[in-house]
C-alpha atoms as a PDB file:
ATOM      1  CA  UNK A   1      14.750  14.446  -3.224  1.00  0.00           C
ATOM      2  CA  UNK A   2      14.331  10.722  -3.600  1.00  0.00           C
ATOM      3  CA  UNK A   3      14.886   9.246  -7.004  1.00  0.00           C
ATOM      4  CA  UNK A   4      12.078   7.569  -8.897  1.00  0.00           C
ATOM      5  CA  UNK A   5      13.907   4.234  -8.686  1.00  0.00           C
ATOM      6  CA  UNK A   6      13.913   4.445  -4.877  1.00  0.00           C
ATOM      7  CA  UNK A   7      10.175   5.102  -4.869  1.00  0.00           C
ATOM      8  CA  UNK A   8       9.479   2.220  -7.230  1.00  0.00           C
ATOM      9  CA  UNK A   9      11.688  -0.075  -5.157  1.00  0.00           C
ATOM     10  CA  UNK A  10       9.926   0.964  -1.953  1.00  0.00           C
ATOM     11  CA  UNK A  11       6.527   0.377  -3.548  1.00  0.00           C
ATOM     12  CA  UNK A  12       7.556  -3.038  -4.826  1.00  0.00           C
ATOM     13  CA  UNK A  13       8.968  -4.014  -1.440  1.00  0.00           C
ATOM     14  CA  UNK A  14       5.828  -2.829   0.325  1.00  0.00           C
ATOM     15  CA  UNK A  15       3.736  -5.033  -1.935  1.00  0.00           C
ATOM     16  CA  UNK A  16       6.014  -8.020  -1.399  1.00  0.00           C
ATOM     17  CA  UNK A  17       6.341  -7.665   2.363  1.00  0.00           C
ATOM     18  CA  UNK A  18       2.639  -7.123   2.932  1.00  0.00           C
ATOM     19  CA  UNK A  19       1.721 -10.288   1.048  1.00  0.00           C
ATOM     20  CA  UNK A  20       1.315 -13.357   3.199  1.00  0.00           C
ATOM     21  CA  UNK A  21       2.452 -16.810   2.250  1.00  0.00           C
ATOM     22  CA  UNK A  22       0.855 -20.047   3.287  1.00  0.00           C
ATOM     23  CA  UNK A  23       1.689 -23.565   2.260  1.00  0.00           C
ATOM     24  CA  UNK A  24      -0.798 -25.198  -0.068  1.00  0.00           C
ATOM     25  CA  UNK A  25      -1.816 -28.454   1.564  1.00  0.00           C
ATOM     26  CA  UNK A  26      -2.399 -30.441  -1.619  1.00  0.00           C
ATOM     27  CA  UNK A  27       0.386 -29.236  -3.874  1.00  0.00           C
ATOM     28  CA  UNK A  28       3.164 -28.457  -1.400  1.00  0.00           C
ATOM     29  CA  UNK A  29       3.930 -25.094  -3.001  1.00  0.00           C
ATOM     30  CA  UNK A  30       3.686 -21.653  -1.489  1.00  0.00           C
ATOM     31  CA  UNK A  31       0.567 -19.709  -2.354  1.00  0.00           C
ATOM     32  CA  UNK A  32       0.563 -15.959  -2.010  1.00  0.00           C
ATOM     33  CA  UNK A  33      -2.539 -14.056  -1.081  1.00  0.00           C
ATOM     34  CA  UNK A  34      -3.451 -10.473  -0.406  1.00  0.00           C
ATOM     35  CA  UNK A  35      -2.896  -9.358   3.172  1.00  0.00           C
ATOM     36  CA  UNK A  36      -5.824  -8.851   5.476  1.00  0.00           C
ATOM     37  CA  UNK A  37      -7.130  -5.299   5.665  1.00  0.00           C
ATOM     38  CA  UNK A  38      -5.871  -4.935   9.233  1.00  0.00           C
ATOM     39  CA  UNK A  39      -2.353  -6.070   8.279  1.00  0.00           C
ATOM     40  CA  UNK A  40      -2.089  -3.739   5.325  1.00  0.00           C
ATOM     41  CA  UNK A  41      -3.626  -0.855   7.268  1.00  0.00           C
ATOM     42  CA  UNK A  42      -1.054  -1.383  10.049  1.00  0.00           C
ATOM     43  CA  UNK A  43       1.731  -1.266   7.441  1.00  0.00           C
ATOM     44  CA  UNK A  44       0.310   1.935   5.989  1.00  0.00           C
ATOM     45  CA  UNK A  45       0.058   3.508   9.441  1.00  0.00           C
ATOM     46  CA  UNK A  46       3.682   2.520  10.151  1.00  0.00           C
ATOM     47  CA  UNK A  47       4.727   4.108   6.847  1.00  0.00           C
ATOM     48  CA  UNK A  48       2.815   7.297   7.664  1.00  0.00           C
ATOM     49  CA  UNK A  49       4.329   7.359  11.160  1.00  0.00           C
ATOM     50  CA  UNK A  50       7.847   6.959   9.755  1.00  0.00           C
ATOM     51  CA  UNK A  51       7.198   9.958   7.514  1.00  0.00           C
ATOM     52  CA  UNK A  52       5.714  11.987  10.411  1.00  0.00           C
ATOM     53  CA  UNK A  53       2.324  12.054   8.682  1.00  0.00           C
ATOM     54  CA  UNK A  54       0.257   9.971  11.088  1.00  0.00           C
ATOM     55  CA  UNK A  55      -0.948  13.000  13.062  1.00  0.00           C
ATOM     56  CA  UNK A  56      -1.440  15.233  10.046  1.00  0.00           C
ATOM     57  CA  UNK A  57      -4.244  16.097   7.643  1.00  0.00           C
ATOM     58  CA  UNK A  58      -2.789  13.449   5.330  1.00  0.00           C
ATOM     59  CA  UNK A  59      -3.962  10.722   7.727  1.00  0.00           C
ATOM     60  CA  UNK A  60      -7.485  12.128   7.685  1.00  0.00           C
ATOM     61  CA  UNK A  61      -7.309  12.405   3.902  1.00  0.00           C
ATOM     62  CA  UNK A  62      -6.422   8.747   3.355  1.00  0.00           C
ATOM     63  CA  UNK A  63      -8.716   7.322   6.056  1.00  0.00           C
ATOM     64  CA  UNK A  64     -11.788   7.111   3.752  1.00  0.00           C
ATOM     65  CA  UNK A  65      -9.748   5.028   1.295  1.00  0.00           C
ATOM     66  CA  UNK A  66      -9.649   2.256   3.891  1.00  0.00           C
ATOM     67  CA  UNK A  67     -13.386   2.131   4.648  1.00  0.00           C
ATOM     68  CA  UNK A  68     -14.809  -0.834   2.763  1.00  0.00           C
ATOM     69  CA  UNK A  69     -18.458  -1.905   2.666  1.00  0.00           C
ATOM     70  CA  UNK A  70     -17.587  -5.580   2.344  1.00  0.00           C
ATOM     71  CA  UNK A  71     -14.419  -7.608   2.599  1.00  0.00           C
ATOM     72  CA  UNK A  72     -12.149  -6.057  -0.048  1.00  0.00           C
ATOM     73  CA  UNK A  73     -10.465  -8.110  -2.716  1.00  0.00           C
ATOM     74  CA  UNK A  74      -6.796  -7.828  -3.674  1.00  0.00           C
ATOM     75  CA  UNK A  75      -7.531  -5.219  -6.353  1.00  0.00           C
ATOM     76  CA  UNK A  76      -9.373  -2.993  -3.877  1.00  0.00           C
ATOM     77  CA  UNK A  77      -6.541  -3.289  -1.349  1.00  0.00           C
ATOM     78  CA  UNK A  78      -3.929  -2.487  -3.977  1.00  0.00           C
ATOM     79  CA  UNK A  79      -5.989   0.482  -5.148  1.00  0.00           C
ATOM     80  CA  UNK A  80      -6.286   1.831  -1.585  1.00  0.00           C
ATOM     81  CA  UNK A  81      -2.539   1.387  -1.076  1.00  0.00           C
ATOM     82  CA  UNK A  82      -1.604   3.157  -4.304  1.00  0.00           C
ATOM     83  CA  UNK A  83      -4.079   5.985  -3.669  1.00  0.00           C
ATOM     84  CA  UNK A  84      -2.582   6.399  -0.195  1.00  0.00           C
ATOM     85  CA  UNK A  85       0.920   6.673  -1.668  1.00  0.00           C
ATOM     86  CA  UNK A  86      -0.390   9.117  -4.266  1.00  0.00           C
ATOM     87  CA  UNK A  87      -2.080  11.290  -1.645  1.00  0.00           C
ATOM     88  CA  UNK A  88       0.777  11.230   0.874  1.00  0.00           C
ATOM     89  CA  UNK A  89       3.920  11.435  -1.266  1.00  0.00           C
ATOM     90  CA  UNK A  90       4.727  14.219  -3.713  1.00  0.00           C
ATOM     91  CA  UNK A  91       7.248  12.095  -5.619  1.00  0.00           C
ATOM     92  CA  UNK A  92       4.759   9.275  -6.152  1.00  0.00           C
ATOM     93  CA  UNK A  93       2.127  11.780  -7.242  1.00  0.00           C
ATOM     94  CA  UNK A  94       4.563  13.296  -9.738  1.00  0.00           C
ATOM     95  CA  UNK A  95       5.506   9.870 -11.097  1.00  0.00           C
ATOM     96  CA  UNK A  96       1.894   8.771 -11.522  1.00  0.00           C
ATOM     97  CA  UNK A  97       0.869  12.063 -13.102  1.00  0.00           C
ATOM     98  CA  UNK A  98       3.782  11.831 -15.530  1.00  0.00           C
ATOM     99  CA  UNK A  99       2.872   8.260 -16.461  1.00  0.00           C
ATOM    100  CA  UNK A 100      -0.766   9.234 -17.009  1.00  0.00           C
ATOM    101  CA  UNK A 101       0.077  11.968 -19.522  1.00  0.00           C
END
């Protein structure tokens, strides 16, 4: 069983690695923005594949979370990502449920 700290670390790393950086032309500093839906979805699919869940009912269960009417904002993308983790991982679900009580 994975420890809670490993799950939190993995979640934090997923958020960091899926963010894209681009140089700000006027200031010269890096500006971070939410990834494009396709990029984040590809990362989620890779995560599901690594956990042998891509060809399972879990994949069908999380698919509706990634159907957006319009271009999603960062909050919507983060929400879809966290709901995917919640749906697909028992340890994440347990952690979230514990935090919510």
